[in-house]
Protein backbone atom coordinates (compact mmCIF):
# COMPACT_ATOMS: atom_id res chain seq x y z
CA MET A 1 22.33 10.41 9.98
CA LYS A 2 24.08 7.14 9.24
CA ARG A 3 21.85 4.19 8.47
CA LEU A 4 22.19 0.89 10.30
CA GLN A 5 24.26 -1.76 8.55
CA ARG A 6 22.56 -5.12 8.22
CA GLN A 7 23.48 -8.40 6.60
CA LEU A 8 21.96 -11.63 5.36
CA VAL A 9 24.09 -14.77 5.33
CA LEU A 10 23.53 -18.02 3.48
CA ASN A 11 25.73 -21.05 4.17
CA LYS A 12 25.50 -23.50 1.30
CA GLY A 13 27.89 -26.42 1.52
CA ALA A 14 31.42 -25.07 1.38
CA GLU A 15 30.20 -21.69 0.12
CA LYS A 16 29.13 -18.76 2.25
CA PHE A 17 27.20 -15.85 0.75
CA ILE A 18 27.15 -12.61 2.73
CA PHE A 19 25.00 -9.70 1.60
CA ARG A 20 25.53 -6.43 3.48
CA TYR A 21 23.15 -3.52 3.07
CA GLU A 22 21.98 -0.36 4.78
CA GLN A 23 18.63 -0.37 6.50
CA GLY A 24 16.16 1.30 4.15
CA ARG A 25 17.93 0.01 1.04
CA GLU A 26 16.33 -3.41 0.96
CA ASP A 27 15.28 -2.85 -2.66
CA GLU A 28 18.96 -2.72 -3.65
CA LEU A 29 19.57 -5.93 -1.74
CA LEU A 30 16.79 -7.66 -3.69
CA ASP A 31 18.39 -6.45 -6.94
CA ALA A 32 21.72 -7.90 -5.76
CA LEU A 33 20.07 -11.26 -5.01
CA VAL A 34 18.64 -11.36 -8.55
CA ASP A 35 22.00 -10.43 -10.07
CA GLN A 36 23.75 -13.14 -8.06
CA ALA A 37 21.17 -15.77 -9.06
CA LYS A 38 21.68 -14.87 -12.74
CA ASP A 39 25.46 -15.30 -12.42
CA HIS A 40 26.19 -18.93 -13.24
CA ARG A 41 29.79 -18.67 -11.98
CA THR A 42 28.62 -19.28 -8.40
CA GLY A 43 26.49 -21.87 -6.67
CA PHE A 44 23.92 -19.23 -5.70
CA ASP A 45 20.66 -20.03 -7.50
CA TRP A 46 17.05 -18.83 -7.66
CA PHE A 47 16.02 -20.98 -4.70
CA ASP A 48 18.73 -19.32 -2.61
CA ALA A 49 17.49 -15.89 -3.71
CA ALA A 50 13.94 -16.88 -2.73
CA VAL A 51 15.08 -18.13 0.68
CA LEU A 52 16.96 -14.90 1.45
CA SER A 53 14.17 -12.67 0.14
CA PHE A 54 11.74 -14.56 2.40
CA LYS A 55 14.11 -14.11 5.34
CA LEU A 56 14.35 -10.40 4.53
CA SER A 57 10.55 -10.13 4.41
CA GLN A 58 10.27 -11.81 7.80
CA MET A 59 12.83 -9.41 9.28
CA LEU A 60 10.95 -6.40 7.87
CA ILE A 61 7.65 -7.70 9.25
CA GLY A 62 9.28 -8.17 12.65
CA ARG A 63 10.63 -4.61 12.61
CA ALA A 64 7.22 -3.25 11.59
CA GLU A 65 5.50 -5.18 14.38
CA GLY A 66 8.07 -3.82 16.82
CA LEU A 67 7.37 -0.27 15.70
CA LEU A 68 3.63 -0.82 16.04
CA ALA A 69 4.09 -2.27 19.51
CA ASP A 70 6.14 0.77 20.52
CA ASP A 71 3.26 3.01 19.43
CA SER A 72 0.62 0.96 21.26
CA ASP A 73 0.74 3.30 24.24
CA VAL A 74 -0.42 6.22 22.08
CA THR A 75 -4.04 7.15 22.63
CA LEU A 76 -6.04 8.56 19.76
CA VAL A 77 -8.31 11.43 20.67
CA HIS A 78 -11.41 12.02 18.55
């Protein structure tokens, strides 16, 4: 089963940073954000990494809430 492709985009002045990842591999995306922030050859800094990691967290929370809402019609039997 192929995983969904997702992306996070940051526009910063004349620069555009696009991070593509497969759903379920968010940990690798976070590693990539750290690596990019450590690389002083670009304008991507630790604040940018924090902004995108926050955006990723919000997206994951939204997906989790959506899954929970989909399951709300399930009745537990004791």
